[in-house]
PDB file of N, CA and C in Angstrom:
ATOM      1  N   MET A   1      48.183 112.606  73.329  1.00  0.00           N
ATOM      2  CA  MET A   1      47.583 112.412  72.064  1.00  0.00           C
ATOM      3  C   MET A   1      46.175 111.820  72.252  1.00  0.00           C
ATOM      4  N   ASN A   2      45.314 112.267  71.437  1.00  0.00           N
ATOM      5  CA  ASN A   2      43.922 111.821  71.541  1.00  0.00           C
ATOM      6  C   ASN A   2      43.580 110.861  70.409  1.00  0.00           C
ATOM      7  N   GLU A   3      44.395 109.836  70.260  1.00  0.00           N
ATOM      8  CA  GLU A   3      44.079 108.855  69.229  1.00  0.00           C
ATOM      9  C   GLU A   3      43.004 107.920  69.739  1.00  0.00           C
ATOM     10  N   ARG A   4      42.064 107.638  68.869  1.00  0.00           N
ATOM     11  CA  ARG A   4      41.027 106.724  69.261  1.00  0.00           C
ATOM     12  C   ARG A   4      41.556 105.286  69.119  1.00  0.00           C
ATOM     13  N   PRO A   5      41.107 104.384  69.920  1.00  0.00           N
ATOM     14  CA  PRO A   5      41.531 102.997  69.795  1.00  0.00           C
ATOM     15  C   PRO A   5      40.973 102.414  68.485  1.00  0.00           C
ATOM     16  N   PRO A   6      41.672 101.434  67.911  1.00  0.00           N
ATOM     17  CA  PRO A   6      41.187 100.870  66.645  1.00  0.00           C
ATOM     18  C   PRO A   6      39.822 100.206  66.851  1.00  0.00           C
ATOM     19  N   SER A   7      39.009 100.307  65.816  1.00  0.00           N
ATOM     20  CA  SER A   7      37.690  99.700  65.903  1.00  0.00           C
ATOM     21  C   SER A   7      37.834  98.169  65.771  1.00  0.00           C
ATOM     22  N   LYS A   8      36.782  97.496  66.122  1.00  0.00           N
ATOM     23  CA  LYS A   8      36.783  96.033  66.034  1.00  0.00           C
ATOM     24  C   LYS A   8      37.012  95.615  64.586  1.00  0.00           C
ATOM     25  N   LEU A   9      36.408  96.341  63.635  1.00  0.00           N
ATOM     26  CA  LEU A   9      36.570  96.023  62.214  1.00  0.00           C
ATOM     27  C   LEU A   9      38.013  96.225  61.775  1.00  0.00           C
ATOM     28  N   GLU A  10      38.674  97.261  62.207  1.00  0.00           N
ATOM     29  CA  GLU A  10      40.074  97.488  61.864  1.00  0.00           C
ATOM     30  C   GLU A  10      40.956  96.370  62.440  1.00  0.00           C
ATOM     31  N   LEU A  11      40.657  95.962  63.661  1.00  0.00           N
ATOM     32  CA  LEU A  11      41.426  94.869  64.275  1.00  0.00           C
ATOM     33  C   LEU A  11      41.238  93.573  63.512  1.00  0.00           C
ATOM     34  N   LEU A  12      40.021  93.310  63.057  1.00  0.00           N
ATOM     35  CA  LEU A  12      39.773  92.087  62.296  1.00  0.00           C
ATOM     36  C   LEU A  12      40.510  92.120  60.967  1.00  0.00           C
ATOM     37  N   HIS A  13      40.545  93.265  60.291  1.00  0.00           N
ATOM     38  CA  HIS A  13      41.287  93.383  59.045  1.00  0.00           C
ATOM     39  C   HIS A  13      42.799  93.183  59.281  1.00  0.00           C
ATOM     40  N   PHE A  14      43.290  93.731  60.377  1.00  0.00           N
ATOM     41  CA  PHE A  14      44.698  93.549  60.737  1.00  0.00           C
ATOM     42  C   PHE A  14      45.001  92.064  60.998  1.00  0.00           C
ATOM     43  N   ALA A  15      44.120  91.413  61.755  1.00  0.00           N
ATOM     44  CA  ALA A  15      44.290  89.999  62.055  1.00  0.00           C
ATOM     45  C   ALA A  15      44.290  89.174  60.776  1.00  0.00           C
ATOM     46  N   ARG A  16      43.434  89.539  59.815  1.00  0.00           N
ATOM     47  CA  ARG A  16      43.389  88.835  58.552  1.00  0.00           C
ATOM     48  C   ARG A  16      44.701  88.995  57.792  1.00  0.00           C
ATOM     49  N   ARG A  17      45.244  90.202  57.754  1.00  0.00           N
ATOM     50  CA  ARG A  17      46.531  90.446  57.042  1.00  0.00           C
ATOM     51  C   ARG A  17      47.653  89.625  57.677  1.00  0.00           C
ATOM     52  N   VAL A  18      47.674  89.563  58.996  1.00  0.00           N
ATOM     53  CA  VAL A  18      48.693  88.749  59.703  1.00  0.00           C
ATOM     54  C   VAL A  18      48.524  87.292  59.349  1.00  0.00           C
ATOM     55  N   ALA A  19      47.297  86.799  59.392  1.00  0.00           N
ATOM     56  CA  ALA A  19      47.018  85.380  59.076  1.00  0.00           C
ATOM     57  C   ALA A  19      47.415  85.045  57.645  1.00  0.00           C
ATOM     58  N   VAL A  20      47.106  85.939  56.702  1.00  0.00           N
ATOM     59  CA  VAL A  20      47.468  85.702  55.294  1.00  0.00           C
ATOM     60  C   VAL A  20      48.988  85.649  55.164  1.00  0.00           C
ATOM     61  N   GLN A  21      49.704  86.545  55.816  1.00  0.00           N
ATOM     62  CA  GLN A  21      51.167  86.560  55.733  1.00  0.00           C
ATOM     63  C   GLN A  21      51.739  85.287  56.368  1.00  0.00           C
ATOM     64  N   GLN A  22      51.219  84.854  57.488  1.00  0.00           N
ATOM     65  CA  GLN A  22      51.709  83.641  58.116  1.00  0.00           C
ATOM     66  C   GLN A  22      51.411  82.418  57.246  1.00  0.00           C
ATOM     67  N   ALA A  23      50.247  82.413  56.616  1.00  0.00           N
ATOM     68  CA  ALA A  23      49.913  81.300  55.724  1.00  0.00           C
ATOM     69  C   ALA A  23      50.872  81.260  54.544  1.00  0.00           C
ATOM     70  N   ARG A  24      51.203  82.400  53.978  1.00  0.00           N
ATOM     71  CA  ARG A  24      52.167  82.472  52.878  1.00  0.00           C
ATOM     72  C   ARG A  24      53.528  81.924  53.328  1.00  0.00           C
ATOM     73  N   ASP A  25      53.946  82.308  54.525  1.00  0.00           N
ATOM     74  CA  ASP A  25      55.207  81.834  55.040  1.00  0.00           C
ATOM     75  C   ASP A  25      55.208  80.314  55.219  1.00  0.00           C
ATOM     76  N   LYS A  26      54.105  79.774  55.745  1.00  0.00           N
ATOM     77  CA  LYS A  26      53.994  78.327  55.969  1.00  0.00           C
ATOM     78  C   LYS A  26      53.952  77.583  54.637  1.00  0.00           C
ATOM     79  N   ILE A  27      53.220  78.137  53.662  1.00  0.00           N
ATOM     80  CA  ILE A  27      53.164  77.500  52.338  1.00  0.00           C
ATOM     81  C   ILE A  27      54.541  77.553  51.699  1.00  0.00           C
ATOM     82  N   ALA A  28      55.275  78.637  51.833  1.00  0.00           N
ATOM     83  CA  ALA A  28      56.607  78.744  51.279  1.00  0.00           C
ATOM     84  C   ALA A  28      57.537  77.711  51.936  1.00  0.00           C
ATOM     85  N   GLN A  29      57.392  77.502  53.244  1.00  0.00           N
ATOM     86  CA  GLN A  29      58.221  76.503  53.946  1.00  0.00           C
ATOM     87  C   GLN A  29      57.887  75.115  53.416  1.00  0.00           C
ATOM     88  N   ILE A  30      56.602  74.798  53.277  1.00  0.00           N
ATOM     89  CA  ILE A  30      56.187  73.486  52.755  1.00  0.00           C
ATOM     90  C   ILE A  30      56.720  73.316  51.336  1.00  0.00           C
ATOM     91  N   ASP A  31      56.685  74.355  50.503  1.00  0.00           N
ATOM     92  CA  ASP A  31      57.235  74.280  49.145  1.00  0.00           C
ATOM     93  C   ASP A  31      58.717  73.983  49.189  1.00  0.00           C
ATOM     94  N   ARG A  32      59.453  74.576  50.122  1.00  0.00           N
ATOM     95  CA  ARG A  32      60.878  74.274  50.257  1.00  0.00           C
ATOM     96  C   ARG A  32      61.107  72.825  50.660  1.00  0.00           C
ATOM     97  N   TRP A  33      60.275  72.314  51.562  1.00  0.00           N
ATOM     98  CA  TRP A  33      60.392  70.893  51.965  1.00  0.00           C
ATOM     99  C   TRP A  33      60.125  69.982  50.799  1.00  0.00           C
ATOM    100  N   ILE A  34      59.092  70.315  50.006  1.00  0.00           N
ATOM    101  CA  ILE A  34      58.770  69.507  48.850  1.00  0.00           C
ATOM    102  C   ILE A  34      59.908  69.499  47.840  1.00  0.00           C
ATOM    103  N   ALA A  35      60.480  70.647  47.577  1.00  0.00           N
ATOM    104  CA  ALA A  35      61.595  70.762  46.627  1.00  0.00           C
ATOM    105  C   ALA A  35      62.806  69.956  47.111  1.00  0.00           C
ATOM    106  N   ALA A  36      63.104  70.023  48.415  1.00  0.00           N
ATOM    107  CA  ALA A  36      64.236  69.280  48.949  1.00  0.00           C
ATOM    108  C   ALA A  36      63.978  67.775  48.847  1.00  0.00           C
ATOM    109  N   GLU A  37      62.762  67.337  49.117  1.00  0.00           N
ATOM    110  CA  GLU A  37      62.463  65.899  49.014  1.00  0.00           C
ATOM    111  C   GLU A  37      62.499  65.441  47.561  1.00  0.00           C
ATOM    112  N   GLU A  38      62.061  66.277  46.637  1.00  0.00           N
ATOM    113  CA  GLU A  38      62.138  65.939  45.205  1.00  0.00           C
ATOM    114  C   GLU A  38      63.593  65.768  44.779  1.00  0.00           C
ATOM    115  N   ARG A  39      64.474  66.664  45.301  1.00  0.00           N
ATOM    116  CA  ARG A  39      65.913  66.525  44.991  1.00  0.00           C
ATOM    117  C   ARG A  39      66.475  65.219  45.527  1.00  0.00           C
ATOM    118  N   ARG A  40      66.118  64.872  46.792  1.00  0.00           N
ATOM    119  CA  ARG A  40      66.601  63.632  47.391  1.00  0.00           C
ATOM    120  C   ARG A  40      66.076  62.412  46.597  1.00  0.00           C
ATOM    121  N   GLU A  41      64.805  62.461  46.186  1.00  0.00           N
ATOM    122  CA  GLU A  41      64.222  61.358  45.401  1.00  0.00           C
ATOM    123  C   GLU A  41      64.971  61.199  44.095  1.00  0.00           C
ATOM    124  N   THR A  42      65.283  62.300  43.446  1.00  0.00           N
ATOM    125  CA  THR A  42      66.024  62.257  42.163  1.00  0.00           C
ATOM    126  C   THR A  42      67.413  61.672  42.386  1.00  0.00           C
ATOM    127  N   GLU A  43      68.072  62.073  43.474  1.00  0.00           N
ATOM    128  CA  GLU A  43      69.396  61.537  43.767  1.00  0.00           C
ATOM    129  C   GLU A  43      69.321  60.021  44.058  1.00  0.00           C
ATOM    130  N   ARG A  44      68.324  59.602  44.806  1.00  0.00           N
ATOM    131  CA  ARG A  44      68.154  58.141  45.088  1.00  0.00           C
ATOM    132  C   ARG A  44      67.928  57.376  43.795  1.00  0.00           C
ATOM    133  N   ARG A  45      67.069  57.900  42.922  1.00  0.00           N
ATOM    134  CA  ARG A  45      66.770  57.212  41.670  1.00  0.00           C
ATOM    135  C   ARG A  45      68.042  57.150  40.797  1.00  0.00           C
ATOM    136  N   ARG A  46      68.792  58.237  40.707  1.00  0.00           N
ATOM    137  CA  ARG A  46      70.040  58.225  39.936  1.00  0.00           C
ATOM    138  C   ARG A  46      71.030  57.218  40.501  1.00  0.00           C
ATOM    139  N   GLY A  47      71.102  57.184  41.837  1.00  0.00           N
ATOM    140  CA  GLY A  47      72.018  56.224  42.484  1.00  0.00           C
ATOM    141  C   GLY A  47      71.623  54.778  42.178  1.00  0.00           C
ATOM    142  N   THR A  48      70.344  54.531  42.214  1.00  0.00           N
ATOM    143  CA  THR A  48      69.857  53.160  41.909  1.00  0.00           C
ATOM    144  C   THR A  48      70.141  52.806  40.470  1.00  0.00           C
ATOM    145  N   GLU A  49      69.914  53.751  39.545  1.00  0.00           N
ATOM    146  CA  GLU A  49      70.153  53.487  38.147  1.00  0.00           C
ATOM    147  C   GLU A  49      71.634  53.311  37.843  1.00  0.00           C
ATOM    148  N   ALA A  50      72.491  54.004  38.587  1.00  0.00           N
ATOM    149  CA  ALA A  50      73.933  53.956  38.330  1.00  0.00           C
ATOM    150  C   ALA A  50      74.597  52.740  39.001  1.00  0.00           C
ATOM    151  N   ARG A  51      73.886  52.080  39.893  1.00  0.00           N
ATOM    152  CA  ARG A  51      74.437  50.948  40.614  1.00  0.00           C
ATOM    153  C   ARG A  51      74.714  49.812  39.654  1.00  0.00           C
ATOM    154  N   PRO A  52      75.892  49.196  39.751  1.00  0.00           N
ATOM    155  CA  PRO A  52      76.174  48.076  38.839  1.00  0.00           C
ATOM    156  C   PRO A  52      75.249  46.900  39.139  1.00  0.00           C
ATOM    157  N   ALA A  53      75.035  46.103  38.113  1.00  0.00           N
ATOM    158  CA  ALA A  53      74.139  44.941  38.276  1.00  0.00           C
ATOM    159  C   ALA A  53      74.774  43.955  39.263  1.00  0.00           C
ATOM    160  N   VAL A  54      73.904  43.237  39.975  1.00  0.00           N
ATOM    161  CA  VAL A  54      74.356  42.221  40.929  1.00  0.00           C
ATOM    162  C   VAL A  54      74.847  41.024  40.099  1.00  0.00           C
ATOM    163  N   PRO A  55      76.071  40.532  40.380  1.00  0.00           N
ATOM    164  CA  PRO A  55      76.551  39.381  39.646  1.00  0.00           C
ATOM    165  C   PRO A  55      75.686  38.138  39.947  1.00  0.00           C
ATOM    166  N   ASP A  56      75.678  37.212  38.995  1.00  0.00           N
ATOM    167  CA  ASP A  56      74.896  35.992  39.193  1.00  0.00           C
ATOM    168  C   ASP A  56      75.471  35.081  40.252  1.00  0.00           C
ATOM    169  N   TRP A  57      76.812  35.110  40.417  1.00  0.00           N
ATOM    170  CA  TRP A  57      77.464  34.192  41.362  1.00  0.00           C
ATOM    171  C   TRP A  57      78.555  34.977  42.098  1.00  0.00           C
ATOM    172  N   LEU A  58      78.737  34.605  43.357  1.00  0.00           N
ATOM    173  CA  LEU A  58      79.735  35.273  44.213  1.00  0.00           C
ATOM    174  C   LEU A  58      80.627  34.203  44.854  1.00  0.00           C
ATOM    175  N   ILE A  59      81.886  34.573  45.064  1.00  0.00           N
ATOM    176  CA  ILE A  59      82.772  33.759  45.882  1.00  0.00           C
ATOM    177  C   ILE A  59      83.219  34.645  47.048  1.00  0.00           C
ATOM    178  N   GLU A  60      82.992  34.115  48.232  1.00  0.00           N
ATOM    179  CA  GLU A  60      83.350  34.832  49.453  1.00  0.00           C
ATOM    180  C   GLU A  60      84.748  34.389  49.882  1.00  0.00           C
ATOM    181  N   GLN A  61      85.632  35.367  49.993  1.00  0.00           N
ATOM    182  CA  GLN A  61      87.014  35.096  50.393  1.00  0.00           C
ATOM    183  C   GLN A  61      87.077  35.052  51.925  1.00  0.00           C
ATOM    184  N   GLY A  62      88.044  34.305  52.426  1.00  0.00           N
ATOM    185  CA  GLY A  62      88.299  34.278  53.871  1.00  0.00           C
ATOM    186  C   GLY A  62      88.893  35.596  54.325  1.00  0.00           C
ATOM    187  N   LEU A  63      89.141  35.702  55.609  1.00  0.00           N
ATOM    188  CA  LEU A  63      89.735  36.918  56.163  1.00  0.00           C
ATOM    189  C   LEU A  63      91.091  37.194  55.509  1.00  0.00           C
ATOM    190  N   SER A  64      91.387  38.428  55.291  1.00  0.00           N
ATOM    191  CA  SER A  64      92.659  38.880  54.690  1.00  0.00           C
ATOM    192  C   SER A  64      92.875  38.256  53.309  1.00  0.00           C
ATOM    193  N   GLY A  65      91.795  38.011  52.575  1.00  0.00           N
ATOM    194  CA  GLY A  65      91.907  37.483  51.217  1.00  0.00           C
ATOM    195  C   GLY A  65      92.363  36.030  51.142  1.00  0.00           C
ATOM    196  N   ARG A  66      92.203  35.303  52.240  1.00  0.00           N
ATOM    197  CA  ARG A  66      92.594  33.900  52.266  1.00  0.00           C
ATOM    198  C   ARG A  66      91.709  33.082  51.337  1.00  0.00           C
ATOM    199  N   ALA A  67      91.874  31.790  51.373  1.00  0.00           N
ATOM    200  CA  ALA A  67      91.140  30.886  50.494  1.00  0.00           C
ATOM    201  C   ALA A  67      89.642  31.155  50.545  1.00  0.00           C
ATOM    202  N   PRO A  68      88.958  30.878  49.452  1.00  0.00           N
ATOM    203  CA  PRO A  68      87.504  31.083  49.422  1.00  0.00           C
ATOM    204  C   PRO A  68      86.804  30.199  50.462  1.00  0.00           C
ATOM    205  N   VAL A  69      85.726  30.741  51.053  1.00  0.00           N
ATOM    206  CA  VAL A  69      85.002  29.972  52.067  1.00  0.00           C
ATOM    207  C   VAL A  69      83.611  29.568  51.614  1.00  0.00           C
ATOM    208  N   TYR A  70      82.981  30.352  50.754  1.00  0.00           N
ATOM    209  CA  TYR A  70      81.632  30.018  50.259  1.00  0.00           C
ATOM    210  C   TYR A  70      81.450  30.493  48.831  1.00  0.00           C
ATOM    211  N   VAL A  71      80.588  29.742  48.128  1.00  0.00           N
ATOM    212  CA  VAL A  71      80.046  30.189  46.840  1.00  0.00           C
ATOM    213  C   VAL A  71      78.608  30.594  47.153  1.00  0.00           C
ATOM    214  N   HIS A  72      78.195  31.732  46.615  1.00  0.00           N
ATOM    215  CA  HIS A  72      76.838  32.275  46.820  1.00  0.00           C
ATOM    216  C   HIS A  72      76.164  32.529  45.495  1.00  0.00           C
ATOM    217  N   VAL A  73      74.840  32.506  45.527  1.00  0.00           N
ATOM    218  CA  VAL A  73      74.055  33.054  44.427  1.00  0.00           C
ATOM    219  C   VAL A  73      74.114  34.572  44.579  1.00  0.00           C
ATOM    220  N   GLY A  74      74.257  35.291  43.452  1.00  0.00           N
ATOM    221  CA  GLY A  74      74.294  36.756  43.522  1.00  0.00           C
ATOM    222  C   GLY A  74      73.089  37.316  44.265  1.00  0.00           C
ATOM    223  N   GLY A  75      73.321  38.268  45.142  1.00  0.00           N
ATOM    224  CA  GLY A  75      72.256  38.883  45.896  1.00  0.00           C
ATOM    225  C   GLY A  75      71.907  38.131  47.185  1.00  0.00           C
ATOM    226  N   CYS A  76      72.654  37.082  47.510  1.00  0.00           N
ATOM    227  CA  CYS A  76      72.379  36.335  48.767  1.00  0.00           C
ATOM    228  C   CYS A  76      72.509  37.276  49.946  1.00  0.00           C
ATOM    229  N   TRP A  77      71.533  37.193  50.844  1.00  0.00           N
ATOM    230  CA  TRP A  77      71.531  38.068  52.013  1.00  0.00           C
ATOM    231  C   TRP A  77      72.672  37.742  52.952  1.00  0.00           C
ATOM    232  N   SER A  78      73.210  36.562  52.857  1.00  0.00           N
ATOM    233  CA  SER A  78      74.275  36.127  53.774  1.00  0.00           C
ATOM    234  C   SER A  78      75.669  36.457  53.254  1.00  0.00           C
ATOM    235  N   ALA A  79      75.784  36.895  52.007  1.00  0.00           N
ATOM    236  CA  ALA A  79      77.096  37.182  51.441  1.00  0.00           C
ATOM    237  C   ALA A  79      77.690  38.389  52.126  1.00  0.00           C
ATOM    238  N   LYS A  80      78.969  38.298  52.453  1.00  0.00           N
ATOM    239  CA  LYS A  80      79.684  39.356  53.169  1.00  0.00           C
ATOM    240  C   LYS A  80      80.361  40.300  52.179  1.00  0.00           C
ATOM    241  N   LYS A  81      81.029  41.312  52.728  1.00  0.00           N
ATOM    242  CA  LYS A  81      81.748  42.267  51.896  1.00  0.00           C
ATOM    243  C   LYS A  81      82.953  41.660  51.208  1.00  0.00           C
ATOM    244  N   ARG A  82      83.396  40.533  51.651  1.00  0.00           N
ATOM    245  CA  ARG A  82      84.599  39.926  51.054  1.00  0.00           C
ATOM    246  C   ARG A  82      84.259  39.086  49.823  1.00  0.00           C
ATOM    247  N   CYS A  83      83.165  39.397  49.156  1.00  0.00           N
ATOM    248  CA  CYS A  83      82.740  38.601  48.000  1.00  0.00           C
ATOM    249  C   CYS A  83      83.166  39.329  46.707  1.00  0.00           C
ATOM    250  N   ARG A  84      83.356  38.498  45.694  1.00  0.00           N
ATOM    251  CA  ARG A  84      83.617  39.045  44.343  1.00  0.00           C
ATOM    252  C   ARG A  84      82.729  38.282  43.374  1.00  0.00           C
ATOM    253  N   GLY A  85      82.263  38.989  42.362  1.00  0.00           N
ATOM    254  CA  GLY A  85      81.427  38.381  41.354  1.00  0.00           C
ATOM    255  C   GLY A  85      82.238  37.458  40.457  1.00  0.00           C
ATOM    256  N   VAL A  86      81.655  36.329  40.101  1.00  0.00           N
ATOM    257  CA  VAL A  86      82.321  35.384  39.216  1.00  0.00           C
ATOM    258  C   VAL A  86      81.340  34.877  38.169  1.00  0.00           C
ATOM    259  N   GLU A  87      81.869  34.292  37.115  1.00  0.00           N
ATOM    260  CA  GLU A  87      81.059  33.684  36.074  1.00  0.00           C
ATOM    261  C   GLU A  87      80.590  32.298  36.551  1.00  0.00           C
ATOM    262  N   ARG A  88      79.626  31.764  35.858  1.00  0.00           N
ATOM    263  CA  ARG A  88      79.039  30.472  36.196  1.00  0.00           C
ATOM    264  C   ARG A  88      80.084  29.362  36.260  1.00  0.00           C
ATOM    265  N   ASP A  89      80.976  29.324  35.271  1.00  0.00           N
ATOM    266  CA  ASP A  89      82.009  28.257  35.252  1.00  0.00           C
ATOM    267  C   ASP A  89      82.963  28.376  36.425  1.00  0.00           C
ATOM    268  N   GLN A  90      83.277  29.613  36.855  1.00  0.00           N
ATOM    269  CA  GLN A  90      84.165  29.792  38.006  1.00  0.00           C
ATOM    270  C   GLN A  90      83.474  29.335  39.286  1.00  0.00           C
ATOM    271  N   ALA A  91      82.182  29.578  39.406  1.00  0.00           N
ATOM    272  CA  ALA A  91      81.432  29.138  40.574  1.00  0.00           C
ATOM    273  C   ALA A  91      81.397  27.605  40.609  1.00  0.00           C
ATOM    274  N   LEU A  92      81.146  26.979  39.471  1.00  0.00           N
ATOM    275  CA  LEU A  92      81.142  25.521  39.412  1.00  0.00           C
ATOM    276  C   LEU A  92      82.517  24.935  39.759  1.00  0.00           C
ATOM    277  N   ARG A  93      83.574  25.573  39.221  1.00  0.00           N
ATOM    278  CA  ARG A  93      84.930  25.130  39.498  1.00  0.00           C
ATOM    279  C   ARG A  93      85.257  25.229  40.988  1.00  0.00           C
ATOM    280  N   ALA A  94      84.822  26.330  41.623  1.00  0.00           N
ATOM    281  CA  ALA A  94      85.080  26.494  43.056  1.00  0.00           C
ATOM    282  C   ALA A  94      84.377  25.400  43.851  1.00  0.00           C
ATOM    283  N   LEU A  95      83.153  25.090  43.497  1.00  0.00           N
ATOM    284  CA  LEU A  95      82.436  23.985  44.182  1.00  0.00           C
ATOM    285  C   LEU A  95      83.160  22.681  43.977  1.00  0.00           C
ATOM    286  N   ALA A  96      83.628  22.427  42.739  1.00  0.00           N
ATOM    287  CA  ALA A  96      84.345  21.177  42.452  1.00  0.00           C
ATOM    288  C   ALA A  96      85.665  21.117  43.199  1.00  0.00           C
ATOM    289  N   ASP A  97      86.266  22.292  43.493  1.00  0.00           N
ATOM    290  CA  ASP A  97      87.521  22.353  44.216  1.00  0.00           C
ATOM    291  C   ASP A  97      87.320  22.275  45.739  1.00  0.00           C
ATOM    292  N   GLY A  98      86.093  22.139  46.183  1.00  0.00           N
ATOM    293  CA  GLY A  98      85.834  21.936  47.621  1.00  0.00           C
ATOM    294  C   GLY A  98      85.383  23.155  48.371  1.00  0.00           C
ATOM    295  N   VAL A  99      85.133  24.273  47.681  1.00  0.00           N
ATOM    296  CA  VAL A  99      84.602  25.440  48.382  1.00  0.00           C
ATOM    297  C   VAL A  99      83.150  25.142  48.733  1.00  0.00           C
ATOM    298  N   ASP A 100      82.779  25.409  49.959  1.00  0.00           N
ATOM    299  CA  ASP A 100      81.435  25.126  50.416  1.00  0.00           C
ATOM    300  C   ASP A 100      80.380  25.985  49.718  1.00  0.00           C
ATOM    301  N   ALA A 101      79.217  25.407  49.493  1.00  0.00           N
ATOM    302  CA  ALA A 101      78.087  26.168  48.978  1.00  0.00           C
ATOM    303  C   ALA A 101      77.417  26.847  50.179  1.00  0.00           C
ATOM    304  N   CYS A 102      76.993  28.068  50.012  1.00  0.00           N
ATOM    305  CA  CYS A 102      76.278  28.775  51.085  1.00  0.00           C
ATOM    306  C   CYS A 102      75.043  27.957  51.462  1.00  0.00           C
ATOM    307  N   PRO A 103      74.867  27.705  52.752  1.00  0.00           N
ATOM    308  CA  PRO A 103      73.694  26.904  53.173  1.00  0.00           C
ATOM    309  C   PRO A 103      72.382  27.663  53.064  1.00  0.00           C
ATOM    310  N   HIS A 104      72.438  28.990  52.826  1.00  0.00           N
ATOM    311  CA  HIS A 104      71.213  29.789  52.750  1.00  0.00           C
ATOM    312  C   HIS A 104      70.686  29.917  51.349  1.00  0.00           C
ATOM    313  N   CYS A 105      71.572  30.223  50.388  1.00  0.00           N
ATOM    314  CA  CYS A 105      71.098  30.478  49.010  1.00  0.00           C
ATOM    315  C   CYS A 105      71.277  29.244  48.107  1.00  0.00           C
ATOM    316  N   ARG A 106      72.016  28.249  48.543  1.00  0.00           N
ATOM    317  CA  ARG A 106      72.207  26.963  47.870  1.00  0.00           C
ATOM    318  C   ARG A 106      72.585  27.132  46.396  1.00  0.00           C
ATOM    319  N   PRO A 107      73.759  27.710  46.134  1.00  0.00           N
ATOM    320  CA  PRO A 107      74.187  27.889  44.736  1.00  0.00           C
ATOM    321  C   PRO A 107      74.402  26.550  44.014  1.00  0.00           C
ATOM    322  N   ASP A 108      74.748  25.511  44.773  1.00  0.00           N
ATOM    323  CA  ASP A 108      74.962  24.205  44.147  1.00  0.00           C
ATOM    324  C   ASP A 108      73.651  23.717  43.507  1.00  0.00           C
ATOM    325  N   THR A 109      72.541  23.948  44.173  1.00  0.00           N
ATOM    326  CA  THR A 109      71.243  23.576  43.610  1.00  0.00           C
ATOM    327  C   THR A 109      70.921  24.447  42.374  1.00  0.00           C
ATOM    328  N   GLU A 110      71.150  25.750  42.477  1.00  0.00           N
ATOM    329  CA  GLU A 110      70.874  26.654  41.374  1.00  0.00           C
ATOM    330  C   GLU A 110      71.748  26.320  40.171  1.00  0.00           C
ATOM    331  N   LEU A 111      72.966  25.905  40.427  1.00  0.00           N
ATOM    332  CA  LEU A 111      73.893  25.587  39.355  1.00  0.00           C
ATOM    333  C   LEU A 111      73.694  24.175  38.818  1.00  0.00           C
ATOM    334  N   GLY A 112      72.930  23.367  39.507  1.00  0.00           N
ATOM    335  CA  GLY A 112      72.742  21.973  39.102  1.00  0.00           C
ATOM    336  C   GLY A 112      74.001  21.148  39.399  1.00  0.00           C
ATOM    337  N   TYR A 113      74.765  21.546  40.393  1.00  0.00           N
ATOM    338  CA  TYR A 113      75.998  20.858  40.742  1.00  0.00           C
ATOM    339  C   TYR A 113      75.666  19.637  41.583  1.00  0.00           C
ATOM    340  N   LEU A 114      76.154  18.492  41.177  1.00  0.00           N
ATOM    341  CA  LEU A 114      75.871  17.253  41.895  1.00  0.00           C
ATOM    342  C   LEU A 114      77.092  16.664  42.557  1.00  0.00           C
ATOM    343  N   GLY A 115      78.118  17.486  42.808  1.00  0.00           N
ATOM    344  CA  GLY A 115      79.383  17.041  43.378  1.00  0.00           C
ATOM    345  C   GLY A 115      79.257  16.411  44.671  1.00  0.00           C
TER     346      GLY A 115
END
């Protein structure tokens, strides 16, 4: 066959078509990444909004639900998973009954307990 080789101009047009197609593919991929991140952001926001409010006071139970070991201010970084939210009067009663105040969040000070 006596086909002539493509001219430089034809090769440049071909290269441009390939570059445009690759750019479209890359933009489509970025759009998919953006959509996925927007979905994750929406899920995080919904999760935060659905999370129950932090109780004002916590009582930390001992291992296996044994006697209480600490009273905490709600949201204390030192509070463990064995905590349950309580009302102000229950926290005061626990302190009066000899449950230790957390040395980090000092609920006795927050409650004005002078025991």
